[in-house]
Amino acid sequence: MSIDVGRLERELMQMSAEGAPGREFCEAISELAATGRFAQLHDVLPAIVYDELWTRHEQDPPAFVAGWHMLAQEMRQGFVQHARQRLTSLTRLQQAGNGAATPAWQEIQCALDAQQHDLLRAAFAMELLELVEPAVLRATHLRECVVAAASSEEADRYLDEATRCYFFGLFTACAVMCRSVLEEAIEQKLPAGLARQVRTRYRNAATLGNLLHEVNNNLQLTGIDRDFPALANQVNEVGKKAVHQGLLSEDEARDCLQNARKAMQLLLKD
């Protein structure tokens, strides 16, 4: 079965556009003017609005018809596009008093969204559809991570989140979560006595670096594979870069995730 994501995007845009506020009003004015029925607007519009429209129509009827038809298209596209811009504005800090006044039709959309949410729903759907093909390509770089021993529920959830962050292009978050995967898994793997010492020494706040230091000093006691620390250190270094030095590239996130998965396989050999 072939799924055409581009077709889904076009159909979604069409569905969203059909219900865009103001579109039918603009198209109705254009249609009535084009077919000689402009007078029907007399009982619909306020007198001052009707008189102004009539004056503009008489100055250049073809331009009037074309102008209102174009406005209908712009409003149809504008409402959906503005909804997507609103998603971005929700994810970033907005400086007070910075920027031009919001157009009236955008204010109308915000009011409508507060009740129906249809335009925001369409915006989210478009955002997610655009993630599909890149996520599919990234998923082809991975295989199932098979381990011999059971992991904890927390470690599984961290790995799930790290992997989904990679799929959906959240590369810096992916590396941060990879560190959390190994932190949780190591804590579960430590012998009870050593685990108590670690909790006391680091006041229940041991980082991955702290845990790897303890593993290196007690490798035989923990029974952890000797190749594990090197892989885990690579994950730790990339994770620290993600936290302290800036955003990561896709390649860096993929390598970090791959190393975290290999490290888990070594940690959970039996």
C-alpha atoms as a PDB file:
ATOM      1  CA  MET A   1       0.000   0.000   0.000  1.00  0.00           C
ATOM      2  CA  SER A   2       1.437   3.355  -1.047  1.00  0.00           C
ATOM      3  CA  ILE A   3       0.681   6.434   1.049  1.00  0.00           C
ATOM      4  CA  ASP A   4       1.028   9.748  -0.786  1.00  0.00           C
ATOM      5  CA  VAL A   5       1.849  12.258   1.945  1.00  0.00           C
ATOM      6  CA  GLY A   6       1.781  15.112  -0.562  1.00  0.00           C
ATOM      7  CA  ARG A   7      -1.775  14.206  -1.474  1.00  0.00           C
ATOM      8  CA  LEU A   8      -2.756  14.147   2.190  1.00  0.00           C
ATOM      9  CA  GLU A   9      -1.263  17.627   2.604  1.00  0.00           C
ATOM     10  CA  ARG A  10      -3.197  18.957  -0.395  1.00  0.00           C
ATOM     11  CA  GLU A  11      -6.450  17.409   0.784  1.00  0.00           C
ATOM     12  CA  LEU A  12      -5.936  18.746   4.291  1.00  0.00           C
ATOM     13  CA  MET A  13      -5.265  22.227   2.966  1.00  0.00           C
ATOM     14  CA  GLN A  14      -8.397  22.025   0.843  1.00  0.00           C
ATOM     15  CA  MET A  15     -10.491  20.864   3.798  1.00  0.00           C
ATOM     16  CA  SER A  16      -9.107  23.682   5.933  1.00  0.00           C
ATOM     17  CA  ALA A  17      -9.570  26.286   3.223  1.00  0.00           C
ATOM     18  CA  GLU A  18     -13.199  25.374   2.603  1.00  0.00           C
ATOM     19  CA  GLY A  19     -14.171  26.449   6.091  1.00  0.00           C
ATOM     20  CA  ALA A  20     -11.947  29.523   6.363  1.00  0.00           C
ATOM     21  CA  PRO A  21     -13.891  32.459   7.864  1.00  0.00           C
ATOM     22  CA  GLY A  22     -14.650  35.291   5.456  1.00  0.00           C
ATOM     23  CA  ARG A  23     -14.056  33.299   2.284  1.00  0.00           C
ATOM     24  CA  GLU A  24     -17.724  32.772   1.419  1.00  0.00           C
ATOM     25  CA  PHE A  25     -18.518  36.420   2.178  1.00  0.00           C
ATOM     26  CA  CYS A  26     -15.809  37.669  -0.200  1.00  0.00           C
ATOM     27  CA  GLU A  27     -16.734  35.190  -2.900  1.00  0.00           C
ATOM     28  CA  ALA A  28     -20.420  36.118  -2.587  1.00  0.00           C
ATOM     29  CA  ILE A  29     -19.657  39.797  -3.171  1.00  0.00           C
ATOM     30  CA  SER A  30     -17.507  38.921  -6.172  1.00  0.00           C
ATOM     31  CA  GLU A  31     -20.178  36.619  -7.614  1.00  0.00           C
ATOM     32  CA  LEU A  32     -23.060  39.075  -7.141  1.00  0.00           C
ATOM     33  CA  ALA A  33     -21.071  41.881  -8.713  1.00  0.00           C
ATOM     34  CA  ALA A  34     -20.010  39.709 -11.646  1.00  0.00           C
ATOM     35  CA  THR A  35     -23.582  38.578 -12.400  1.00  0.00           C
ATOM     36  CA  GLY A  36     -25.284  41.956 -12.114  1.00  0.00           C
ATOM     37  CA  ARG A  37     -26.958  41.217  -8.776  1.00  0.00           C
ATOM     38  CA  PHE A  38     -25.032  43.692  -6.664  1.00  0.00           C
ATOM     39  CA  ALA A  39     -28.281  45.294  -5.440  1.00  0.00           C
ATOM     40  CA  GLN A  40     -29.039  42.155  -3.401  1.00  0.00           C
ATOM     41  CA  LEU A  41     -26.357  43.307  -0.965  1.00  0.00           C
ATOM     42  CA  HIS A  42     -28.434  46.366  -0.088  1.00  0.00           C
ATOM     43  CA  ASP A  43     -30.498  44.491   2.499  1.00  0.00           C
ATOM     44  CA  VAL A  44     -27.499  42.564   3.849  1.00  0.00           C
ATOM     45  CA  LEU A  45     -24.866  45.241   4.391  1.00  0.00           C
ATOM     46  CA  PRO A  46     -25.021  48.433   6.451  1.00  0.00           C
ATOM     47  CA  ALA A  47     -25.927  51.380   4.248  1.00  0.00           C
ATOM     48  CA  ILE A  48     -22.544  53.069   4.575  1.00  0.00           C
ATOM     49  CA  VAL A  49     -20.726  49.870   3.628  1.00  0.00           C
ATOM     50  CA  TYR A  50     -23.057  49.217   0.700  1.00  0.00           C
ATOM     51  CA  ASP A  51     -22.603  52.776  -0.630  1.00  0.00           C
ATOM     52  CA  GLU A  52     -18.811  52.544  -0.417  1.00  0.00           C
ATOM     53  CA  LEU A  53     -18.734  49.171  -2.188  1.00  0.00           C
ATOM     54  CA  TRP A  54     -21.098  50.398  -4.845  1.00  0.00           C
ATOM     55  CA  THR A  55     -18.904  53.451  -5.520  1.00  0.00           C
ATOM     56  CA  ARG A  56     -15.824  51.252  -5.891  1.00  0.00           C
ATOM     57  CA  HIS A  57     -17.727  48.830  -8.113  1.00  0.00           C
ATOM     58  CA  GLU A  58     -18.882  51.605 -10.429  1.00  0.00           C
ATOM     59  CA  GLN A  59     -15.353  52.966 -10.811  1.00  0.00           C
ATOM     60  CA  ASP A  60     -14.035  49.690 -12.264  1.00  0.00           C
ATOM     61  CA  PRO A  61     -16.426  46.682 -12.213  1.00  0.00           C
ATOM     62  CA  PRO A  62     -13.949  44.075 -13.562  1.00  0.00           C
ATOM     63  CA  ALA A  63     -11.269  45.140 -11.071  1.00  0.00           C
ATOM     64  CA  PHE A  64     -13.833  45.100  -8.249  1.00  0.00           C
ATOM     65  CA  VAL A  65     -14.902  41.537  -9.077  1.00  0.00           C
ATOM     66  CA  ALA A  66     -11.321  40.337  -9.441  1.00  0.00           C
ATOM     67  CA  GLY A  67     -10.242  42.100  -6.260  1.00  0.00           C
ATOM     68  CA  TRP A  68     -12.886  40.486  -4.067  1.00  0.00           C
ATOM     69  CA  HIS A  69     -12.242  37.087  -5.618  1.00  0.00           C
ATOM     70  CA  MET A  70      -8.536  37.457  -4.852  1.00  0.00           C
ATOM     71  CA  LEU A  71      -9.318  38.574  -1.305  1.00  0.00           C
ATOM     72  CA  ALA A  72     -11.346  35.392  -0.811  1.00  0.00           C
ATOM     73  CA  GLN A  73      -8.343  33.326  -1.850  1.00  0.00           C
ATOM     74  CA  GLU A  74      -5.982  35.327   0.348  1.00  0.00           C
ATOM     75  CA  MET A  75      -8.237  34.983   3.354  1.00  0.00           C
ATOM     76  CA  ARG A  76      -8.604  31.263   2.737  1.00  0.00           C
ATOM     77  CA  GLN A  77      -4.862  30.781   2.601  1.00  0.00           C
ATOM     78  CA  GLY A  78      -4.111  33.443   5.193  1.00  0.00           C
ATOM     79  CA  PHE A  79      -6.161  31.917   7.974  1.00  0.00           C
ATOM     80  CA  VAL A  80      -4.422  28.562   7.684  1.00  0.00           C
ATOM     81  CA  GLN A  81      -0.982  30.119   7.312  1.00  0.00           C
ATOM     82  CA  HIS A  82      -1.529  32.383  10.295  1.00  0.00           C
ATOM     83  CA  ALA A  83      -2.595  29.408  12.381  1.00  0.00           C
ATOM     84  CA  ARG A  84       0.778  27.819  11.606  1.00  0.00           C
ATOM     85  CA  GLN A  85       2.553  31.039  12.542  1.00  0.00           C
ATOM     86  CA  ARG A  86       0.715  30.988  15.848  1.00  0.00           C
ATOM     87  CA  LEU A  87       2.197  27.580  16.610  1.00  0.00           C
ATOM     88  CA  THR A  88       5.663  29.057  16.167  1.00  0.00           C
ATOM     89  CA  SER A  89       4.818  32.061  18.333  1.00  0.00           C
ATOM     90  CA  LEU A  90       3.771  29.703  21.129  1.00  0.00           C
ATOM     91  CA  THR A  91       7.204  28.057  21.137  1.00  0.00           C
ATOM     92  CA  ARG A  92       9.275  31.263  21.358  1.00  0.00           C
ATOM     93  CA  LEU A  93       9.578  34.267  23.623  1.00  0.00           C
ATOM     94  CA  GLN A  94       7.688  37.298  22.350  1.00  0.00           C
ATOM     95  CA  GLN A  95       9.016  40.745  23.145  1.00  0.00           C
ATOM     96  CA  ALA A  96       6.388  43.156  24.430  1.00  0.00           C
ATOM     97  CA  GLY A  97       5.564  45.986  22.055  1.00  0.00           C
ATOM     98  CA  ASN A  98       7.593  44.489  19.226  1.00  0.00           C
ATOM     99  CA  GLY A  99       5.929  44.082  15.840  1.00  0.00           C
ATOM    100  CA  ALA A 100       3.118  45.523  13.790  1.00  0.00           C
ATOM    101  CA  ALA A 101      -0.523  45.488  14.763  1.00  0.00           C
ATOM    102  CA  THR A 102      -2.338  42.217  14.181  1.00  0.00           C
ATOM    103  CA  PRO A 103      -4.617  42.327  11.089  1.00  0.00           C
ATOM    104  CA  ALA A 104      -8.327  42.230  11.869  1.00  0.00           C
ATOM    105  CA  TRP A 105      -8.892  38.889  10.154  1.00  0.00           C
ATOM    106  CA  GLN A 106      -6.212  37.345  12.388  1.00  0.00           C
ATOM    107  CA  GLU A 107      -8.015  38.637  15.460  1.00  0.00           C
ATOM    108  CA  ILE A 108     -11.200  37.021  14.141  1.00  0.00           C
ATOM    109  CA  GLN A 109      -9.371  33.732  13.734  1.00  0.00           C
ATOM    110  CA  CYS A 110      -8.054  33.828  17.298  1.00  0.00           C
ATOM    111  CA  ALA A 111     -11.578  34.344  18.568  1.00  0.00           C
ATOM    112  CA  LEU A 112     -12.873  31.452  16.466  1.00  0.00           C
ATOM    113  CA  ASP A 113     -10.068  29.169  17.595  1.00  0.00           C
ATOM    114  CA  ALA A 114     -10.990  29.809  21.196  1.00  0.00           C
ATOM    115  CA  GLN A 115     -14.274  28.028  20.538  1.00  0.00           C
ATOM    116  CA  GLN A 116     -13.739  25.560  17.691  1.00  0.00           C
ATOM    117  CA  HIS A 117      -9.956  25.033  17.368  1.00  0.00           C
ATOM    118  CA  ASP A 118     -10.395  23.963  13.730  1.00  0.00           C
ATOM    119  CA  LEU A 119      -7.634  26.175  12.339  1.00  0.00           C
ATOM    120  CA  LEU A 120      -5.142  25.211  15.034  1.00  0.00           C
ATOM    121  CA  ARG A 121      -6.107  21.593  14.427  1.00  0.00           C
ATOM    122  CA  ALA A 122      -5.340  22.055  10.735  1.00  0.00           C
ATOM    123  CA  ALA A 123      -2.037  23.773  11.558  1.00  0.00           C
ATOM    124  CA  PHE A 124      -0.921  20.911  13.794  1.00  0.00           C
ATOM    125  CA  ALA A 125      -1.951  18.379  11.157  1.00  0.00           C
ATOM    126  CA  MET A 126       0.118  20.170   8.498  1.00  0.00           C
ATOM    127  CA  GLU A 127       3.119  20.341  10.813  1.00  0.00           C
ATOM    128  CA  LEU A 128       2.917  16.627  11.566  1.00  0.00           C
ATOM    129  CA  LEU A 129       2.441  15.613   7.943  1.00  0.00           C
ATOM    130  CA  GLU A 130       5.616  17.464   7.008  1.00  0.00           C
ATOM    131  CA  LEU A 131       7.491  15.362   9.582  1.00  0.00           C
ATOM    132  CA  VAL A 132       6.435  12.027   8.100  1.00  0.00           C
ATOM    133  CA  GLU A 133       8.910  11.577   5.244  1.00  0.00           C
ATOM    134  CA  PRO A 134      12.004  12.759   7.166  1.00  0.00           C
ATOM    135  CA  ALA A 135      10.983  10.528  10.095  1.00  0.00           C
ATOM    136  CA  VAL A 136      10.604   7.517   7.789  1.00  0.00           C
ATOM    137  CA  LEU A 137      14.090   8.096   6.394  1.00  0.00           C
ATOM    138  CA  ARG A 138      15.603   8.390   9.875  1.00  0.00           C
ATOM    139  CA  ALA A 139      13.842   5.229  11.019  1.00  0.00           C
ATOM    140  CA  THR A 140      15.555   3.270   8.238  1.00  0.00           C
ATOM    141  CA  HIS A 141      18.878   3.930   9.990  1.00  0.00           C
ATOM    142  CA  LEU A 142      17.787   1.972  13.072  1.00  0.00           C
ATOM    143  CA  ARG A 143      17.157  -1.668  13.878  1.00  0.00           C
ATOM    144  CA  GLU A 144      15.496  -3.196  16.912  1.00  0.00           C
ATOM    145  CA  CYS A 145      17.610  -2.960  20.050  1.00  0.00           C
ATOM    146  CA  VAL A 146      17.562  -6.511  21.429  1.00  0.00           C
ATOM    147  CA  VAL A 147      18.889  -7.099  24.971  1.00  0.00           C
ATOM    148  CA  ALA A 148      19.238 -10.253  27.064  1.00  0.00           C
ATOM    149  CA  ALA A 149      18.082  -8.852  30.400  1.00  0.00           C
ATOM    150  CA  ALA A 150      15.031  -6.776  31.208  1.00  0.00           C
ATOM    151  CA  SER A 151      15.292  -2.999  31.484  1.00  0.00           C
ATOM    152  CA  SER A 152      13.364  -0.749  33.853  1.00  0.00           C
ATOM    153  CA  GLU A 153      10.139   0.949  32.817  1.00  0.00           C
ATOM    154  CA  GLU A 154      11.825   4.345  33.220  1.00  0.00           C
ATOM    155  CA  ALA A 155      14.744   3.417  30.964  1.00  0.00           C
ATOM    156  CA  ASP A 156      12.356   2.109  28.314  1.00  0.00           C
ATOM    157  CA  ARG A 157      10.383   5.351  28.415  1.00  0.00           C
ATOM    158  CA  TYR A 158      13.549   7.453  28.168  1.00  0.00           C
ATOM    159  CA  LEU A 159      14.736   5.429  25.179  1.00  0.00           C
ATOM    160  CA  ASP A 160      11.328   5.729  23.546  1.00  0.00           C
ATOM    161  CA  GLU A 161      11.390   9.509  23.966  1.00  0.00           C
ATOM    162  CA  ALA A 162      14.993   9.797  22.762  1.00  0.00           C
ATOM    163  CA  THR A 163      14.169   7.801  19.634  1.00  0.00           C
ATOM    164  CA  ARG A 164      11.022   9.768  18.847  1.00  0.00           C
ATOM    165  CA  CYS A 165      12.949  13.028  19.300  1.00  0.00           C
ATOM    166  CA  TYR A 166      15.398  11.765  16.684  1.00  0.00           C
ATOM    167  CA  PHE A 167      12.580  10.743  14.321  1.00  0.00           C
ATOM    168  CA  PHE A 168      10.922  14.152  14.544  1.00  0.00           C
ATOM    169  CA  GLY A 169      14.055  16.271  14.234  1.00  0.00           C
ATOM    170  CA  LEU A 170      14.515  17.253  17.897  1.00  0.00           C
ATOM    171  CA  PHE A 171      18.185  16.372  17.800  1.00  0.00           C
ATOM    172  CA  THR A 172      19.411  18.220  20.885  1.00  0.00           C
ATOM    173  CA  ALA A 173      16.584  16.789  22.992  1.00  0.00           C
ATOM    174  CA  CYS A 174      17.441  13.336  21.640  1.00  0.00           C
ATOM    175  CA  ALA A 175      20.992  13.519  23.020  1.00  0.00           C
ATOM    176  CA  VAL A 176      19.813  14.806  26.385  1.00  0.00           C
ATOM    177  CA  MET A 177      17.381  11.895  26.677  1.00  0.00           C
ATOM    178  CA  CYS A 178      20.106   9.415  25.680  1.00  0.00           C
ATOM    179  CA  ARG A 179      22.037  10.456  28.774  1.00  0.00           C
ATOM    180  CA  SER A 180      18.936   9.882  30.877  1.00  0.00           C
ATOM    181  CA  VAL A 181      18.562   6.375  29.422  1.00  0.00           C
ATOM    182  CA  LEU A 182      22.052   5.371  30.540  1.00  0.00           C
ATOM    183  CA  GLU A 183      21.801   7.107  33.918  1.00  0.00           C
ATOM    184  CA  GLU A 184      18.667   5.157  34.754  1.00  0.00           C
ATOM    185  CA  ALA A 185      20.012   1.861  33.429  1.00  0.00           C
ATOM    186  CA  ILE A 186      23.310   2.143  35.328  1.00  0.00           C
ATOM    187  CA  GLU A 187      21.551   2.975  38.579  1.00  0.00           C
ATOM    188  CA  GLN A 188      19.438  -0.155  38.190  1.00  0.00           C
ATOM    189  CA  LYS A 189      22.511  -2.267  37.393  1.00  0.00           C
ATOM    190  CA  LEU A 190      24.689  -1.240  40.368  1.00  0.00           C
ATOM    191  CA  PRO A 191      24.967  -3.723  43.262  1.00  0.00           C
ATOM    192  CA  ALA A 192      22.909  -2.623  46.276  1.00  0.00           C
ATOM    193  CA  GLY A 193      25.889  -1.682  48.427  1.00  0.00           C
ATOM    194  CA  LEU A 194      27.553   0.404  45.728  1.00  0.00           C
ATOM    195  CA  ALA A 195      24.231   1.995  44.827  1.00  0.00           C
ATOM    196  CA  ARG A 196      23.825   3.194  48.435  1.00  0.00           C
ATOM    197  CA  GLN A 197      27.338   4.640  48.417  1.00  0.00           C
ATOM    198  CA  VAL A 198      26.660   6.457  45.159  1.00  0.00           C
ATOM    199  CA  ARG A 199      23.413   7.933  46.437  1.00  0.00           C
ATOM    200  CA  THR A 200      25.148   9.171  49.576  1.00  0.00           C
ATOM    201  CA  ARG A 201      28.238  10.480  47.798  1.00  0.00           C
ATOM    202  CA  TYR A 202      26.282  12.446  45.203  1.00  0.00           C
ATOM    203  CA  ARG A 203      23.265  13.260  47.384  1.00  0.00           C
ATOM    204  CA  ASN A 204      20.874  11.377  45.099  1.00  0.00           C
ATOM    205  CA  ALA A 205      21.911  13.566  42.141  1.00  0.00           C
ATOM    206  CA  ALA A 206      24.594  11.549  40.355  1.00  0.00           C
ATOM    207  CA  THR A 207      25.126  12.546  36.743  1.00  0.00           C
ATOM    208  CA  LEU A 208      26.055  10.127  33.981  1.00  0.00           C
ATOM    209  CA  GLY A 209      29.651  11.277  34.367  1.00  0.00           C
ATOM    210  CA  ASN A 210      29.551  10.497  38.102  1.00  0.00           C
ATOM    211  CA  LEU A 211      28.044   7.073  37.474  1.00  0.00           C
ATOM    212  CA  LEU A 212      30.629   6.223  34.819  1.00  0.00           C
ATOM    213  CA  HIS A 213      33.399   7.223  37.242  1.00  0.00           C
ATOM    214  CA  GLU A 214      32.009   4.769  39.784  1.00  0.00           C
ATOM    215  CA  VAL A 215      31.622   2.035  37.165  1.00  0.00           C
ATOM    216  CA  ASN A 216      35.219   2.484  35.997  1.00  0.00           C
ATOM    217  CA  ASN A 217      36.469   2.209  39.576  1.00  0.00           C
ATOM    218  CA  ASN A 218      34.336  -0.856  40.314  1.00  0.00           C
ATOM    219  CA  LEU A 219      34.129  -2.621  36.955  1.00  0.00           C
ATOM    220  CA  GLN A 220      34.644  -6.107  38.354  1.00  0.00           C
ATOM    221  CA  LEU A 221      32.226  -5.550  41.222  1.00  0.00           C
ATOM    222  CA  THR A 222      29.458  -4.328  38.931  1.00  0.00           C
ATOM    223  CA  GLY A 223      29.955  -7.101  36.384  1.00  0.00           C
ATOM    224  CA  ILE A 224      29.452  -4.579  33.585  1.00  0.00           C
ATOM    225  CA  ASP A 225      31.076  -5.297  30.219  1.00  0.00           C
ATOM    226  CA  ARG A 226      34.459  -3.572  29.941  1.00  0.00           C
ATOM    227  CA  ASP A 227      33.497  -2.077  26.560  1.00  0.00           C
ATOM    228  CA  PHE A 228      30.493  -0.310  28.062  1.00  0.00           C
ATOM    229  CA  PRO A 229      32.236   2.752  29.598  1.00  0.00           C
ATOM    230  CA  ALA A 230      33.786   3.872  26.298  1.00  0.00           C
ATOM    231  CA  LEU A 231      30.420   3.896  24.495  1.00  0.00           C
ATOM    232  CA  ALA A 232      28.668   5.503  27.439  1.00  0.00           C
ATOM    233  CA  ASN A 233      31.354   8.205  27.628  1.00  0.00           C
ATOM    234  CA  GLN A 234      30.681   9.116  24.005  1.00  0.00           C
ATOM    235  CA  VAL A 235      26.998   9.501  24.804  1.00  0.00           C
ATOM    236  CA  ASN A 236      27.867  11.601  27.830  1.00  0.00           C
ATOM    237  CA  GLU A 237      30.123  13.938  25.852  1.00  0.00           C
ATOM    238  CA  VAL A 238      27.514  14.554  23.159  1.00  0.00           C
ATOM    239  CA  GLY A 239      24.850  15.023  25.824  1.00  0.00           C
ATOM    240  CA  LYS A 240      26.987  17.613  27.603  1.00  0.00           C
ATOM    241  CA  LYS A 241      27.525  19.411  24.324  1.00  0.00           C
ATOM    242  CA  ALA A 242      23.773  19.462  23.788  1.00  0.00           C
ATOM    243  CA  VAL A 243      23.206  21.017  27.201  1.00  0.00           C
ATOM    244  CA  HIS A 244      26.086  23.484  27.331  1.00  0.00           C
ATOM    245  CA  GLN A 245      27.380  24.269  23.860  1.00  0.00           C
ATOM    246  CA  GLY A 246      24.463  24.489  21.440  1.00  0.00           C
ATOM    247  CA  LEU A 247      22.148  22.680  19.079  1.00  0.00           C
ATOM    248  CA  LEU A 248      23.200  19.359  17.591  1.00  0.00           C
ATOM    249  CA  SER A 249      23.160  18.208  13.998  1.00  0.00           C
ATOM    250  CA  GLU A 250      21.185  15.224  12.758  1.00  0.00           C
ATOM    251  CA  ASP A 251      24.365  13.161  12.382  1.00  0.00           C
ATOM    252  CA  GLU A 252      25.439  13.918  15.942  1.00  0.00           C
ATOM    253  CA  ALA A 253      22.038  12.932  17.299  1.00  0.00           C
ATOM    254  CA  ARG A 254      21.961   9.724  15.279  1.00  0.00           C
ATOM    255  CA  ASP A 255      25.449   8.694  16.434  1.00  0.00           C
ATOM    256  CA  CYS A 256      24.544   9.477  20.031  1.00  0.00           C
ATOM    257  CA  LEU A 257      21.378   7.404  19.826  1.00  0.00           C
ATOM    258  CA  GLN A 258      23.163   4.504  18.159  1.00  0.00           C
ATOM    259  CA  ASN A 259      25.868   4.529  20.837  1.00  0.00           C
ATOM    260  CA  ALA A 260      23.270   4.661  23.604  1.00  0.00           C
ATOM    261  CA  ARG A 261      21.498   1.642  22.149  1.00  0.00           C
ATOM    262  CA  LYS A 262      24.769  -0.299  21.796  1.00  0.00           C
ATOM    263  CA  ALA A 263      25.690   0.623  25.364  1.00  0.00           C
ATOM    264  CA  MET A 264      22.338  -0.683  26.589  1.00  0.00           C
ATOM    265  CA  GLN A 265      22.945  -3.978  24.820  1.00  0.00           C
ATOM    266  CA  LEU A 266      26.285  -4.329  26.610  1.00  0.00           C
ATOM    267  CA  LEU A 267      24.807  -3.293  29.949  1.00  0.00           C
ATOM    268  CA  LEU A 268      21.929  -5.753  29.685  1.00  0.00           C
ATOM    269  CA  LYS A 269      23.816  -8.759  28.355  1.00  0.00           C
ATOM    270  CA  ASP A 270      22.426 -11.004  31.086  1.00  0.00           C
END
